[in-house]
Amino acid sequence: MVIVGGYTPSDTPDGWYVEVALDDGTTTTTGNVATPSEGDPWVIWFTDGVDLDLVCGDTYIVTARLFDPTTSQTGPPATTIHTHTC
């Protein structure tokens, strides 16, 4: 699963995760997901176990930010529009 986010994975502090909020006009879902892997700095790769209930063909406003589960500290949010393809 890939969602555009705007983070450079190599700059992610150890032990931090990516928090993602999806807003489709009716539902907002937030998930703390696995540390992103290396790749394009505008792409966040998630593990297969993340269930964000995306509907094929639907468009979502995606807000992503770094999240430290130990201290609850967050990084600045990045927002983009994502059309989900299956």
C-alpha atoms as a PDB file:
ATOM      1  CA  MET A   1       0.000   0.000   0.000  1.00  0.00           C
ATOM      2  CA  VAL A   2       1.365   3.412  -0.930  1.00  0.00           C
ATOM      3  CA  ILE A   3       0.062   6.828   0.014  1.00  0.00           C
ATOM      4  CA  VAL A   4       1.663  10.146  -0.895  1.00  0.00           C
ATOM      5  CA  GLY A   5       2.893  11.824   2.248  1.00  0.00           C
ATOM      6  CA  GLY A   6       5.950  14.009   1.942  1.00  0.00           C
ATOM      7  CA  TYR A   7       8.532  12.479   4.269  1.00  0.00           C
ATOM      8  CA  THR A   8      12.092  11.426   3.665  1.00  0.00           C
ATOM      9  CA  PRO A   9      12.274   8.046   5.429  1.00  0.00           C
ATOM     10  CA  SER A  10      16.010   8.330   6.117  1.00  0.00           C
ATOM     11  CA  ASP A  11      15.237  11.410   8.241  1.00  0.00           C
ATOM     12  CA  THR A  12      12.694   9.582  10.403  1.00  0.00           C
ATOM     13  CA  PRO A  13      13.969   9.427  14.004  1.00  0.00           C
ATOM     14  CA  ASP A  14      14.461   5.945  15.447  1.00  0.00           C
ATOM     15  CA  GLY A  15      11.324   4.599  17.101  1.00  0.00           C
ATOM     16  CA  TRP A  16       9.009   7.066  15.379  1.00  0.00           C
ATOM     17  CA  TYR A  17       6.019   6.108  13.263  1.00  0.00           C
ATOM     18  CA  VAL A  18       3.815   7.811  10.702  1.00  0.00           C
ATOM     19  CA  GLU A  19       0.342   8.897  11.766  1.00  0.00           C
ATOM     20  CA  VAL A  20      -2.140   9.111   8.891  1.00  0.00           C
ATOM     21  CA  ALA A  21      -5.558  10.756   8.915  1.00  0.00           C
ATOM     22  CA  LEU A  22      -7.950  10.219   6.004  1.00  0.00           C
ATOM     23  CA  ASP A  23     -10.929  12.479   5.532  1.00  0.00           C
ATOM     24  CA  ASP A  24     -13.425  11.479   2.846  1.00  0.00           C
ATOM     25  CA  GLY A  25     -16.079  13.934   3.963  1.00  0.00           C
ATOM     26  CA  THR A  26     -17.818  11.479   6.273  1.00  0.00           C
ATOM     27  CA  THR A  27     -15.098   9.475   7.997  1.00  0.00           C
ATOM     28  CA  THR A  28     -11.723  10.279   9.508  1.00  0.00           C
ATOM     29  CA  THR A  29      -9.494   7.345  10.340  1.00  0.00           C
ATOM     30  CA  THR A  30      -6.163   7.672  12.105  1.00  0.00           C
ATOM     31  CA  GLY A  31      -3.613   4.907  12.204  1.00  0.00           C
ATOM     32  CA  ASN A  32      -0.126   4.735  13.662  1.00  0.00           C
ATOM     33  CA  VAL A  33       1.704   2.653  11.124  1.00  0.00           C
ATOM     34  CA  ALA A  34       5.074   1.071  10.565  1.00  0.00           C
ATOM     35  CA  THR A  35       8.178   3.174  10.053  1.00  0.00           C
ATOM     36  CA  PRO A  36       8.355   4.034   6.343  1.00  0.00           C
ATOM     37  CA  SER A  37      10.945   2.357   4.148  1.00  0.00           C
ATOM     38  CA  GLU A  38      13.495   4.088   1.953  1.00  0.00           C
ATOM     39  CA  GLY A  39      12.253   5.480  -1.323  1.00  0.00           C
ATOM     40  CA  ASP A  40      10.860   8.555  -3.006  1.00  0.00           C
ATOM     41  CA  PRO A  41      10.575  11.297  -0.366  1.00  0.00           C
ATOM     42  CA  TRP A  42       6.978  11.954  -1.415  1.00  0.00           C
ATOM     43  CA  VAL A  43       5.854   8.396  -0.829  1.00  0.00           C
ATOM     44  CA  ILE A  44       5.079   6.557   2.387  1.00  0.00           C
ATOM     45  CA  TRP A  45       5.029   2.764   2.187  1.00  0.00           C
ATOM     46  CA  PHE A  46       2.891   0.903   4.690  1.00  0.00           C
ATOM     47  CA  THR A  47       2.889  -2.690   5.813  1.00  0.00           C
ATOM     48  CA  ASP A  48       0.119  -4.942   4.490  1.00  0.00           C
ATOM     49  CA  GLY A  49      -1.370  -5.171   7.979  1.00  0.00           C
ATOM     50  CA  VAL A  50      -2.567  -1.561   7.983  1.00  0.00           C
ATOM     51  CA  ASP A  51      -6.319  -1.335   7.465  1.00  0.00           C
ATOM     52  CA  LEU A  52      -7.442   2.148   6.468  1.00  0.00           C
ATOM     53  CA  ASP A  53     -10.601   1.023   4.637  1.00  0.00           C
ATOM     54  CA  LEU A  54      -9.848   2.767   1.359  1.00  0.00           C
ATOM     55  CA  VAL A  55     -12.463   2.389  -1.386  1.00  0.00           C
ATOM     56  CA  CYS A  56     -11.228   1.764  -4.929  1.00  0.00           C
ATOM     57  CA  GLY A  57     -11.639   4.889  -7.028  1.00  0.00           C
ATOM     58  CA  ASP A  58     -12.444   7.182  -4.111  1.00  0.00           C
ATOM     59  CA  THR A  59     -10.483  10.358  -3.447  1.00  0.00           C
ATOM     60  CA  TYR A  60      -9.248  11.214   0.037  1.00  0.00           C
ATOM     61  CA  ILE A  61      -7.590  14.152   1.716  1.00  0.00           C
ATOM     62  CA  VAL A  62      -4.585  12.563   3.408  1.00  0.00           C
ATOM     63  CA  THR A  63      -2.733  14.203   6.262  1.00  0.00           C
ATOM     64  CA  ALA A  64       0.443  12.505   7.441  1.00  0.00           C
ATOM     65  CA  ARG A  65       2.899  13.398  10.166  1.00  0.00           C
ATOM     66  CA  LEU A  66       5.654  11.745  12.152  1.00  0.00           C
ATOM     67  CA  PHE A  67       4.636  10.492  15.585  1.00  0.00           C
ATOM     68  CA  ASP A  68       6.692   9.369  18.586  1.00  0.00           C
ATOM     69  CA  PRO A  69       4.585   6.786  20.457  1.00  0.00           C
ATOM     70  CA  THR A  70       6.733   7.146  23.581  1.00  0.00           C
ATOM     71  CA  THR A  71       6.408  10.906  24.082  1.00  0.00           C
ATOM     72  CA  SER A  72       3.412  11.642  21.797  1.00  0.00           C
ATOM     73  CA  GLN A  73       5.556  14.283  20.085  1.00  0.00           C
ATOM     74  CA  THR A  74       4.548  14.913  16.475  1.00  0.00           C
ATOM     75  CA  GLY A  75       6.221  16.365  13.433  1.00  0.00           C
ATOM     76  CA  PRO A  76       4.668  18.905  11.067  1.00  0.00           C
ATOM     77  CA  PRO A  77       1.743  17.600   9.009  1.00  0.00           C
ATOM     78  CA  ALA A  78       1.825  17.187   5.232  1.00  0.00           C
ATOM     79  CA  THR A  79      -1.489  17.096   3.374  1.00  0.00           C
ATOM     80  CA  THR A  80      -2.190  15.798  -0.111  1.00  0.00           C
ATOM     81  CA  ILE A  81      -5.093  14.498  -2.193  1.00  0.00           C
ATOM     82  CA  HIS A  82      -4.998  10.754  -2.876  1.00  0.00           C
ATOM     83  CA  THR A  83      -7.176   8.877  -5.374  1.00  0.00           C
ATOM     84  CA  HIS A  84      -7.082   5.222  -4.407  1.00  0.00           C
ATOM     85  CA  THR A  85      -6.544   2.724  -7.211  1.00  0.00           C
ATOM     86  CA  CYS A  86      -6.762  -1.039  -6.806  1.00  0.00           C
END
